[in-house]
Amino acid sequence: MGSFSDVRVQLLAKELEAGQASNVYDPLANLSRWGMMLHRWRTRRSLLELDARQLRDIGLSWEQAREEGCKPFWRE
């Protein structure tokens, strides 16, 4: 049974690499271009509002948060 699960893990890894994983839930996959830009704008603005403790909790430095938060919404 262990070998069967190893095969499934390997297949899933190959699907993820190819971008074809059908059983992986991606909440942003169905957003339109404008929806994605709005999402980026909101999340980047929120990132700039986090304090030092909150940034530590998510594993970012202030510089990293500022760099990401200052990107224009149309850039990935």
N, C-alpha and C. Protein backbone atom coordinates (compact mmCIF):
# COMPACT_ATOMS: atom_id res chain seq x y z
N MET A 1 0.82 -1.19 0.00
CA MET A 1 0.00 0.00 0.00
C MET A 1 0.86 1.25 0.00
N GLY A 2 2.03 1.18 0.63
CA GLY A 2 2.91 2.33 0.65
C GLY A 2 3.37 2.72 -0.74
N SER A 3 3.63 1.73 -1.60
CA SER A 3 4.08 2.05 -2.95
C SER A 3 2.97 2.70 -3.76
N PHE A 4 1.72 2.30 -3.50
CA PHE A 4 0.60 2.92 -4.21
C PHE A 4 0.51 4.41 -3.87
N SER A 5 0.63 4.74 -2.59
CA SER A 5 0.55 6.15 -2.22
C SER A 5 1.75 6.92 -2.76
N ASP A 6 2.92 6.29 -2.84
CA ASP A 6 4.08 6.95 -3.42
C ASP A 6 3.84 7.28 -4.89
N VAL A 7 3.20 6.38 -5.61
CA VAL A 7 2.89 6.61 -7.02
C VAL A 7 1.93 7.78 -7.15
N ARG A 8 0.92 7.84 -6.30
CA ARG A 8 -0.05 8.93 -6.36
C ARG A 8 0.63 10.27 -6.09
N VAL A 9 1.54 10.29 -5.13
CA VAL A 9 2.27 11.53 -4.82
C VAL A 9 3.11 11.96 -6.01
N GLN A 10 3.77 11.01 -6.64
CA GLN A 10 4.59 11.33 -7.80
C GLN A 10 3.74 11.85 -8.96
N LEU A 11 2.57 11.23 -9.17
CA LEU A 11 1.69 11.69 -10.24
C LEU A 11 1.17 13.09 -9.96
N LEU A 12 0.80 13.35 -8.72
CA LEU A 12 0.32 14.68 -8.37
C LEU A 12 1.42 15.72 -8.56
N ALA A 13 2.64 15.37 -8.18
CA ALA A 13 3.77 16.30 -8.36
C ALA A 13 3.97 16.61 -9.84
N LYS A 14 3.85 15.61 -10.70
CA LYS A 14 3.99 15.84 -12.14
C LYS A 14 2.87 16.72 -12.66
N GLU A 15 1.65 16.50 -12.17
CA GLU A 15 0.51 17.33 -12.59
C GLU A 15 0.72 18.78 -12.15
N LEU A 16 1.21 18.97 -10.93
CA LEU A 16 1.44 20.33 -10.44
C LEU A 16 2.50 21.04 -11.27
N GLU A 17 3.57 20.32 -11.61
CA GLU A 17 4.62 20.91 -12.43
C GLU A 17 4.09 21.30 -13.80
N ALA A 18 3.18 20.49 -14.35
CA ALA A 18 2.63 20.77 -15.67
C ALA A 18 1.46 21.75 -15.61
N GLY A 19 1.01 22.08 -14.40
CA GLY A 19 -0.12 22.98 -14.24
C GLY A 19 -1.44 22.33 -14.58
N GLN A 20 -1.53 21.01 -14.46
CA GLN A 20 -2.72 20.28 -14.84
C GLN A 20 -3.43 19.62 -13.67
N ALA A 21 -3.10 19.95 -12.46
CA ALA A 21 -3.70 19.29 -11.30
C ALA A 21 -5.17 19.69 -11.20
N SER A 22 -6.06 18.73 -11.39
CA SER A 22 -7.49 19.03 -11.38
C SER A 22 -8.08 19.00 -9.99
N ASN A 23 -7.44 18.33 -9.06
CA ASN A 23 -8.01 18.21 -7.72
C ASN A 23 -7.43 19.23 -6.74
N VAL A 24 -6.66 20.18 -7.23
CA VAL A 24 -6.10 21.22 -6.38
C VAL A 24 -6.99 22.45 -6.48
N TYR A 25 -7.50 22.90 -5.36
CA TYR A 25 -8.42 24.04 -5.34
C TYR A 25 -7.65 25.34 -5.39
N ASP A 26 -7.98 26.16 -6.35
CA ASP A 26 -7.37 27.48 -6.48
C ASP A 26 -8.48 28.51 -6.52
N PRO A 27 -8.69 29.24 -5.42
CA PRO A 27 -9.80 30.20 -5.37
C PRO A 27 -9.67 31.35 -6.35
N LEU A 28 -8.48 31.62 -6.84
CA LEU A 28 -8.27 32.73 -7.77
C LEU A 28 -8.39 32.31 -9.23
N ALA A 29 -8.56 31.02 -9.48
CA ALA A 29 -8.55 30.51 -10.85
C ALA A 29 -9.70 31.05 -11.69
N ASN A 30 -10.83 31.37 -11.08
CA ASN A 30 -12.00 31.79 -11.83
C ASN A 30 -12.18 33.30 -11.90
N LEU A 31 -11.20 34.05 -11.43
CA LEU A 31 -11.30 35.50 -11.49
C LEU A 31 -11.00 36.01 -12.90
N SER A 32 -11.72 37.03 -13.30
CA SER A 32 -11.42 37.68 -14.57
C SER A 32 -10.13 38.48 -14.41
N ARG A 33 -9.68 39.05 -15.48
CA ARG A 33 -8.46 39.87 -15.43
C ARG A 33 -8.66 41.04 -14.46
N TRP A 34 -9.84 41.70 -14.54
CA TRP A 34 -10.11 42.82 -13.65
C TRP A 34 -10.28 42.37 -12.22
N GLY A 35 -10.88 41.20 -12.03
CA GLY A 35 -11.03 40.65 -10.68
C GLY A 35 -9.69 40.37 -10.04
N MET A 36 -8.76 39.84 -10.84
CA MET A 36 -7.42 39.55 -10.33
C MET A 36 -6.68 40.84 -9.99
N MET A 37 -6.84 41.86 -10.82
CA MET A 37 -6.18 43.14 -10.54
C MET A 37 -6.75 43.77 -9.26
N LEU A 38 -8.05 43.68 -9.09
CA LEU A 38 -8.68 44.20 -7.87
C LEU A 38 -8.20 43.44 -6.65
N HIS A 39 -8.09 42.12 -6.78
CA HIS A 39 -7.58 41.29 -5.68
C HIS A 39 -6.16 41.69 -5.31
N ARG A 40 -5.30 41.88 -6.32
CA ARG A 40 -3.92 42.30 -6.05
C ARG A 40 -3.88 43.66 -5.36
N TRP A 41 -4.69 44.59 -5.84
CA TRP A 41 -4.71 45.93 -5.26
C TRP A 41 -5.11 45.88 -3.80
N ARG A 42 -6.15 45.12 -3.47
CA ARG A 42 -6.64 45.03 -2.09
C ARG A 42 -5.63 44.34 -1.18
N THR A 43 -5.08 43.22 -1.65
CA THR A 43 -4.16 42.48 -0.78
C THR A 43 -2.85 43.22 -0.59
N ARG A 44 -2.37 43.90 -1.61
CA ARG A 44 -1.14 44.67 -1.46
C ARG A 44 -1.34 45.87 -0.54
N ARG A 45 -2.48 46.50 -0.62
CA ARG A 45 -2.80 47.61 0.28
C ARG A 45 -2.88 47.09 1.72
N SER A 46 -3.51 45.92 1.91
CA SER A 46 -3.60 45.34 3.25
C SER A 46 -2.23 44.96 3.80
N LEU A 47 -1.36 44.50 2.93
CA LEU A 47 -0.01 44.12 3.34
C LEU A 47 0.74 45.31 3.91
N LEU A 48 0.53 46.48 3.34
CA LEU A 48 1.20 47.69 3.82
C LEU A 48 0.67 48.15 5.18
N GLU A 49 -0.50 47.68 5.57
CA GLU A 49 -1.11 48.08 6.84
C GLU A 49 -0.74 47.17 8.00
N LEU A 50 -0.03 46.07 7.74
CA LEU A 50 0.33 45.14 8.81
C LEU A 50 1.43 45.71 9.69
N ASP A 51 1.36 45.40 10.98
CA ASP A 51 2.42 45.84 11.89
C ASP A 51 3.53 44.78 11.95
N ALA A 52 4.58 45.06 12.69
CA ALA A 52 5.75 44.19 12.74
C ALA A 52 5.42 42.79 13.25
N ARG A 53 4.55 42.69 14.24
CA ARG A 53 4.17 41.37 14.78
C ARG A 53 3.42 40.55 13.73
N GLN A 54 2.51 41.18 13.01
CA GLN A 54 1.75 40.48 11.98
C GLN A 54 2.66 40.05 10.83
N LEU A 55 3.61 40.89 10.47
CA LEU A 55 4.55 40.51 9.42
C LEU A 55 5.41 39.33 9.84
N ARG A 56 5.83 39.32 11.10
CA ARG A 56 6.60 38.18 11.62
C ARG A 56 5.77 36.91 11.54
N ASP A 57 4.48 37.01 11.85
CA ASP A 57 3.60 35.83 11.82
C ASP A 57 3.52 35.22 10.43
N ILE A 58 3.57 36.03 9.40
CA ILE A 58 3.49 35.48 8.04
C ILE A 58 4.86 35.30 7.40
N GLY A 59 5.91 35.60 8.16
CA GLY A 59 7.27 35.32 7.70
C GLY A 59 7.83 36.32 6.72
N LEU A 60 7.40 37.57 6.82
CA LEU A 60 7.93 38.61 5.94
C LEU A 60 8.62 39.70 6.75
N SER A 61 9.63 40.28 6.15
CA SER A 61 10.25 41.45 6.75
C SER A 61 9.49 42.68 6.28
N TRP A 62 9.75 43.80 6.93
CA TRP A 62 9.10 45.05 6.53
C TRP A 62 9.50 45.42 5.10
N GLU A 63 10.75 45.18 4.75
CA GLU A 63 11.24 45.51 3.41
C GLU A 63 10.54 44.66 2.36
N GLN A 64 10.36 43.35 2.64
CA GLN A 64 9.69 42.48 1.69
C GLN A 64 8.23 42.90 1.51
N ALA A 65 7.56 43.24 2.61
CA ALA A 65 6.17 43.66 2.55
C ALA A 65 6.05 44.96 1.77
N ARG A 66 6.95 45.88 2.00
CA ARG A 66 6.92 47.16 1.29
C ARG A 66 7.17 46.97 -0.20
N GLU A 67 8.13 46.10 -0.53
CA GLU A 67 8.43 45.84 -1.94
C GLU A 67 7.21 45.26 -2.66
N GLU A 68 6.56 44.28 -2.06
CA GLU A 68 5.37 43.68 -2.67
C GLU A 68 4.20 44.65 -2.64
N GLY A 69 4.02 45.36 -1.54
CA GLY A 69 2.89 46.26 -1.40
C GLY A 69 2.95 47.47 -2.31
N CYS A 70 4.13 47.85 -2.74
CA CYS A 70 4.27 49.02 -3.61
C CYS A 70 4.22 48.68 -5.10
N LYS A 71 4.11 47.41 -5.43
CA LYS A 71 3.99 47.03 -6.84
C LYS A 71 2.65 47.53 -7.38
N PRO A 72 2.62 47.94 -8.64
CA PRO A 72 1.34 48.31 -9.22
C PRO A 72 0.44 47.07 -9.37
N PHE A 73 -0.87 47.27 -9.32
CA PHE A 73 -1.79 46.14 -9.32
C PHE A 73 -1.77 45.33 -10.60
N TRP A 74 -1.27 45.90 -11.68
CA TRP A 74 -1.27 45.16 -12.95
C TRP A 74 -0.06 44.23 -13.08
N ARG A 75 0.90 44.34 -12.16
CA ARG A 75 2.08 43.44 -12.21
C ARG A 75 1.87 42.25 -11.31
N GLU A 76 2.37 41.11 -11.72
CA GLU A 76 2.28 39.90 -10.89
C GLU A 76 3.34 39.90 -9.83
